[in-house]
Amino acid sequence: MITPRKQRVAMSGRKMFAAFVLTIAPIYLLLILDRAARSDSRNADTVQHGLFDRCLEICRSYGLITSGDIADDAEAYLAAVESRPLSDDLQTLLVDATFTPAASQQHPLLQQRAPVFVLSDHLDDSHSLAALNRKGPVVVVFYYGYWCSHCVAQLFALNKDLQHFTDIGATVVAISADPTEQTLARFVQYGKFDFPVLSDPENSVAERYCVFRPAADDKEPQLDHGTFVVDGEGRIVWAYQGTEPFMDNRTLLTILANIQNRRPISKSAAAGAD
């Protein structure tokens, strides 16, 4: 038989246990979250540290020495790889039958639907692939971040030729794991680009485009440069992935013209048809 005293003792014990749980549980949860955050931070630091070493190695292969000014170093890389703005107008570029565009790589996503994304720019405004795609084809570029000169060099080159991409009805978008505030700080320092530059925290979108592979077993995380042409139907029709950025904007314009059947007929071809 349970006496009133025993009932009071049991209730008191349950209350003490509940108070203990309510006190300790939040602390334990915070410890778990802190450990996870520290792990994510270490992983991010590992990725960036490895990429920074790779960036320095690539620059050294061209005889380049980092000056500390990312814009100057990017321009030096462009000069080293002989990347220059396209001087001819779009019509002239597209009727040149002697030009052969670079072939697409055999990428797992080639001819597949492009993975969708909704990411924020330097002002925390959202951009979705679906919204960009409604305007026409999209060139999606993955780069390491605005701390890597040879990576940013591709963005500089695209910005210089951007009017050609606009004239052909395409949108350019660049993506990295840089936080939005870091991109904003770089824009204040060096000037912004005239196309969206988006933040992909933890490279989650890059992973879906197969240019990022997280650490697994004893393998370090791996991030590549990636450039993709997405047609108006949302399919990836051309792909590049590698240790250096893709610098041939003329190829991209030719691919964009082909998928839209916008290759103009040259005067000589038209005369021959008559």
Protein backbone atom coordinates (compact mmCIF):
# COMPACT_ATOMS: atom_id res chain seq x y z
CA MET A 1 0.00 0.00 0.00
CA ILE A 2 1.36 3.42 -1.05
CA THR A 3 1.07 5.95 1.73
CA PRO A 4 0.52 9.68 1.15
CA ARG A 5 4.08 10.26 2.35
CA LYS A 6 5.48 7.83 -0.22
CA GLN A 7 3.37 9.52 -2.93
CA ARG A 8 4.81 12.91 -1.96
CA VAL A 9 8.34 11.50 -2.06
CA ALA A 10 7.74 9.93 -5.49
CA MET A 11 6.26 13.14 -6.90
CA SER A 12 9.14 15.12 -5.45
CA GLY A 13 11.59 12.73 -7.08
CA ARG A 14 9.89 13.01 -10.44
CA LYS A 15 9.95 16.80 -10.19
CA MET A 16 13.64 16.79 -9.34
CA PHE A 17 14.37 14.47 -12.26
CA ALA A 18 12.33 16.66 -14.64
CA ALA A 19 14.15 19.77 -13.40
CA PHE A 20 17.46 17.99 -13.89
CA VAL A 21 16.56 16.99 -17.45
CA LEU A 22 15.32 20.49 -18.31
CA THR A 23 18.55 21.96 -16.97
CA ILE A 24 21.01 19.50 -18.44
CA ALA A 25 19.34 18.75 -21.79
CA PRO A 26 19.82 22.25 -23.26
CA ILE A 27 23.45 22.28 -22.16
CA TYR A 28 24.02 18.86 -23.70
CA LEU A 29 22.30 19.97 -26.91
CA LEU A 30 24.48 23.09 -27.09
CA LEU A 31 27.58 20.93 -26.67
CA ILE A 32 26.46 18.68 -29.54
CA LEU A 33 25.70 21.68 -31.79
CA ASP A 34 29.01 23.31 -30.88
CA ARG A 35 30.91 20.11 -31.70
CA ALA A 36 29.08 19.86 -35.04
CA ALA A 37 29.80 23.52 -35.81
CA ARG A 38 33.46 23.05 -34.96
CA SER A 39 33.57 19.96 -37.19
CA ASP A 40 31.96 21.86 -40.09
CA SER A 41 34.38 24.73 -39.53
CA ARG A 42 37.37 22.37 -39.58
CA ASN A 43 36.06 20.75 -42.77
CA ALA A 44 35.58 24.16 -44.40
CA ASP A 45 39.07 25.23 -43.31
CA THR A 46 40.49 21.98 -44.71
CA VAL A 47 38.79 22.56 -48.06
CA GLN A 48 39.93 26.19 -48.35
CA HIS A 49 43.46 25.46 -47.14
CA GLY A 50 43.89 22.72 -49.75
CA LEU A 51 42.43 24.91 -52.48
CA PHE A 52 44.66 27.83 -51.52
CA ASP A 53 47.70 25.62 -51.89
CA ARG A 54 46.43 24.46 -55.28
CA CYS A 55 45.83 28.07 -56.35
CA LEU A 56 49.39 29.02 -55.43
CA GLU A 57 50.74 25.99 -57.28
CA ILE A 58 48.81 26.86 -60.46
CA CYS A 59 49.96 30.48 -60.33
CA ARG A 60 53.57 29.38 -59.84
CA SER A 61 53.27 27.09 -62.88
CA TYR A 62 52.79 30.27 -64.96
CA GLY A 63 55.65 32.05 -63.20
CA LEU A 64 53.22 34.21 -61.22
CA ILE A 65 53.84 35.40 -57.68
CA THR A 66 50.92 36.45 -55.51
CA SER A 67 51.00 40.18 -54.85
CA GLY A 68 48.19 40.31 -52.31
CA ASP A 69 45.93 42.27 -54.66
CA ILE A 70 43.42 39.75 -56.02
CA ALA A 71 42.36 41.91 -58.98
CA ASP A 72 45.95 42.53 -60.09
CA ASP A 73 46.79 38.85 -59.70
CA ALA A 74 43.69 37.87 -61.70
CA GLU A 75 44.72 40.18 -64.53
CA ALA A 76 48.21 38.69 -64.41
CA TYR A 77 46.73 35.21 -64.79
CA LEU A 78 44.62 36.37 -67.77
CA ALA A 79 47.76 37.72 -69.41
CA ALA A 80 49.69 34.51 -68.67
CA VAL A 81 47.03 32.30 -70.32
CA GLU A 82 46.62 34.84 -73.13
CA SER A 83 42.95 35.46 -72.41
CA ARG A 84 41.76 38.68 -74.01
CA PRO A 85 38.33 40.26 -74.41
CA LEU A 86 36.60 39.32 -77.66
CA SER A 87 37.25 42.24 -79.99
CA ASP A 88 34.90 41.25 -82.84
CA ASP A 89 31.17 41.84 -82.70
CA LEU A 90 28.89 38.87 -82.09
CA GLN A 91 27.82 38.56 -85.74
CA THR A 92 31.43 38.33 -86.92
CA LEU A 93 32.32 35.77 -84.27
CA LEU A 94 29.43 33.48 -85.13
CA VAL A 95 29.85 33.46 -88.93
CA ASP A 96 33.52 32.47 -88.72
CA ALA A 97 33.44 28.90 -90.04
CA THR A 98 37.11 28.37 -89.20
CA PHE A 99 36.46 28.41 -85.46
CA THR A 100 35.95 25.06 -83.75
CA PRO A 101 34.47 25.25 -80.24
CA ALA A 102 35.90 23.14 -77.47
CA ALA A 103 34.04 19.86 -77.07
CA SER A 104 32.02 19.16 -73.97
CA GLN A 105 33.47 16.79 -71.43
CA GLN A 106 31.70 13.50 -70.69
CA HIS A 107 30.12 14.77 -67.50
CA PRO A 108 27.55 12.69 -65.53
CA LEU A 109 24.97 15.49 -65.91
CA LEU A 110 25.42 16.00 -69.63
CA GLN A 111 22.03 16.00 -71.40
CA GLN A 112 20.36 15.73 -67.98
CA ARG A 113 18.16 18.24 -66.20
CA ALA A 114 20.34 20.77 -64.42
CA PRO A 115 20.06 20.54 -60.61
CA VAL A 116 17.90 23.45 -59.47
CA PHE A 117 19.06 25.93 -56.85
CA VAL A 118 17.97 29.03 -54.97
CA LEU A 119 20.96 30.98 -53.66
CA SER A 120 21.65 34.47 -52.33
CA ASP A 121 23.84 37.18 -53.84
CA HIS A 122 26.00 39.78 -52.08
CA LEU A 123 22.88 41.76 -51.09
CA ASP A 124 21.12 38.63 -49.81
CA ASP A 125 18.70 38.74 -52.74
CA SER A 126 17.65 35.27 -53.89
CA HIS A 127 18.25 33.94 -57.40
CA SER A 128 16.83 30.66 -58.66
CA LEU A 129 17.95 28.69 -61.68
CA ALA A 130 14.28 28.35 -62.66
CA ALA A 131 13.80 32.13 -62.77
CA LEU A 132 17.05 32.67 -64.69
CA ASN A 133 16.14 29.88 -67.11
CA ARG A 134 12.81 31.48 -67.94
CA LYS A 135 14.79 34.28 -69.61
CA GLY A 136 16.74 31.82 -71.77
CA PRO A 137 19.87 29.67 -71.50
CA VAL A 138 22.17 30.02 -68.50
CA VAL A 139 25.93 29.69 -68.10
CA VAL A 140 26.63 28.35 -64.59
CA VAL A 141 30.18 28.81 -63.29
CA PHE A 142 31.59 27.26 -60.11
CA TYR A 143 34.75 28.88 -58.73
CA TYR A 144 36.72 28.44 -55.49
CA GLY A 145 36.03 31.87 -54.03
CA TYR A 146 37.02 35.52 -54.22
CA TRP A 147 40.29 34.81 -52.45
CA CYS A 148 41.68 32.82 -55.39
CA SER A 149 43.13 34.97 -58.16
CA HIS A 150 43.06 32.45 -61.00
CA CYS A 151 39.48 31.53 -60.07
CA VAL A 152 38.31 35.14 -60.12
CA ALA A 153 40.14 35.63 -63.41
CA GLN A 154 37.37 33.66 -65.14
CA LEU A 155 34.78 36.03 -63.69
CA PHE A 156 36.82 39.03 -64.89
CA ALA A 157 36.96 37.54 -68.40
CA LEU A 158 33.24 36.79 -68.45
CA ASN A 159 32.43 40.30 -67.28
CA LYS A 160 34.52 41.81 -70.09
CA ASP A 161 32.60 39.77 -72.69
CA LEU A 162 29.26 39.97 -70.92
CA GLN A 163 27.59 42.12 -73.58
CA HIS A 164 28.04 39.27 -76.07
CA PHE A 165 26.27 36.88 -73.68
CA THR A 166 23.49 39.42 -73.18
CA ASP A 167 23.14 39.92 -76.94
CA ILE A 168 22.75 36.19 -77.47
CA GLY A 169 20.05 36.04 -74.79
CA ALA A 170 21.99 34.16 -72.11
CA THR A 171 22.49 34.78 -68.40
CA VAL A 172 25.79 34.18 -66.60
CA VAL A 173 25.84 33.21 -62.92
CA ALA A 174 28.85 32.41 -60.72
CA ILE A 175 28.74 30.28 -57.55
CA SER A 176 31.15 29.65 -54.67
CA ALA A 177 30.98 28.85 -50.97
CA ASP A 178 31.93 32.43 -50.05
CA PRO A 179 29.53 33.95 -47.50
CA THR A 180 27.46 36.80 -48.95
CA GLU A 181 29.15 39.35 -46.69
CA GLN A 182 32.58 38.27 -47.94
CA THR A 183 31.51 38.74 -51.57
CA LEU A 184 30.11 42.16 -50.69
CA ALA A 185 33.41 43.14 -49.06
CA ARG A 186 35.31 42.10 -52.21
CA PHE A 187 32.92 44.09 -54.40
CA VAL A 188 33.49 47.17 -52.23
CA GLN A 189 37.24 46.63 -52.56
CA TYR A 190 37.52 45.71 -56.24
CA GLY A 191 34.17 46.54 -57.87
CA LYS A 192 31.30 44.20 -58.57
CA PHE A 193 30.54 42.03 -61.57
CA ASP A 194 27.52 42.67 -63.79
CA PHE A 195 26.11 39.17 -63.28
CA PRO A 196 24.90 37.38 -60.14
CA VAL A 197 27.60 35.99 -57.86
CA LEU A 198 25.94 33.60 -55.44
CA SER A 199 26.77 31.95 -52.13
CA ASP A 200 26.62 28.15 -51.91
CA PRO A 201 27.23 27.33 -48.23
CA GLU A 202 29.18 24.12 -47.73
CA ASN A 203 29.27 23.61 -51.52
CA SER A 204 25.94 21.77 -51.44
CA VAL A 205 24.94 22.88 -54.96
CA ALA A 206 28.48 22.26 -56.23
CA GLU A 207 28.15 18.71 -54.93
CA ARG A 208 24.94 18.19 -56.92
CA TYR A 209 26.77 19.42 -60.04
CA CYS A 210 29.50 16.84 -59.27
CA VAL A 211 32.27 19.44 -58.93
CA PHE A 212 32.54 19.00 -55.15
CA ARG A 213 33.21 15.75 -53.31
CA PRO A 214 33.09 15.86 -49.51
CA ALA A 215 35.65 14.08 -47.39
CA ALA A 216 35.04 10.34 -47.19
CA ASP A 217 37.02 7.66 -45.37
CA ASP A 218 40.65 8.72 -45.73
CA LYS A 219 40.07 11.00 -48.75
CA GLU A 220 40.28 14.77 -48.49
CA PRO A 221 37.40 16.92 -49.82
CA GLN A 222 37.79 17.88 -53.47
CA LEU A 223 36.49 20.94 -55.33
CA ASP A 224 36.96 21.58 -59.06
CA HIS A 225 36.20 24.46 -61.35
CA GLY A 226 33.02 23.90 -63.33
CA THR A 227 31.36 25.63 -66.28
CA PHE A 228 27.99 24.45 -67.58
CA VAL A 229 25.70 25.61 -70.38
CA VAL A 230 22.04 25.05 -69.50
CA ASP A 231 19.65 25.33 -72.44
CA GLY A 232 16.23 26.98 -72.37
CA GLU A 233 14.61 23.68 -71.40
CA GLY A 234 16.80 23.34 -68.33
CA ARG A 235 19.14 20.62 -69.67
CA ILE A 236 22.91 20.70 -69.38
CA VAL A 237 24.14 20.61 -72.98
CA TRP A 238 27.82 21.42 -72.46
CA ALA A 239 30.08 20.86 -69.46
CA TYR A 240 33.64 21.49 -68.29
CA GLN A 241 35.25 20.42 -65.02
CA GLY A 242 38.90 20.76 -64.08
CA THR A 243 41.64 22.17 -61.88
CA GLU A 244 41.77 25.45 -63.83
CA PRO A 245 38.89 27.68 -64.95
CA PHE A 246 37.48 27.49 -68.46
CA MET A 247 38.59 30.66 -70.27
CA ASP A 248 37.25 30.21 -73.81
CA ASN A 249 34.22 32.50 -73.91
CA ARG A 250 34.00 32.17 -77.67
CA THR A 251 33.24 28.47 -77.29
CA LEU A 252 30.46 29.27 -74.83
CA LEU A 253 28.94 31.82 -77.21
CA THR A 254 29.10 29.36 -80.11
CA ILE A 255 27.38 26.65 -78.04
CA LEU A 256 24.71 29.14 -76.99
CA ALA A 257 24.14 30.15 -80.61
CA ASN A 258 23.91 26.51 -81.74
CA ILE A 259 21.33 25.46 -79.16
CA GLN A 260 19.15 28.43 -80.06
CA ASN A 261 19.61 28.03 -83.83
CA ARG A 262 20.96 31.56 -83.88
CA ARG A 263 24.02 30.97 -86.03
CA PRO A 264 23.74 33.67 -88.73
CA ILE A 265 24.37 32.84 -92.36
CA SER A 266 27.50 34.48 -93.77
CA LYS A 267 27.29 36.65 -96.85
CA SER A 268 29.34 34.14 -98.86
CA ALA A 269 27.08 31.26 -97.82
CA ALA A 270 24.00 33.29 -98.70
CA ALA A 271 25.47 34.16 -102.11
CA GLY A 272 26.24 30.49 -102.76
CA ALA A 273 22.66 29.56 -101.93
CA ASP A 274 21.42 31.97 -104.60
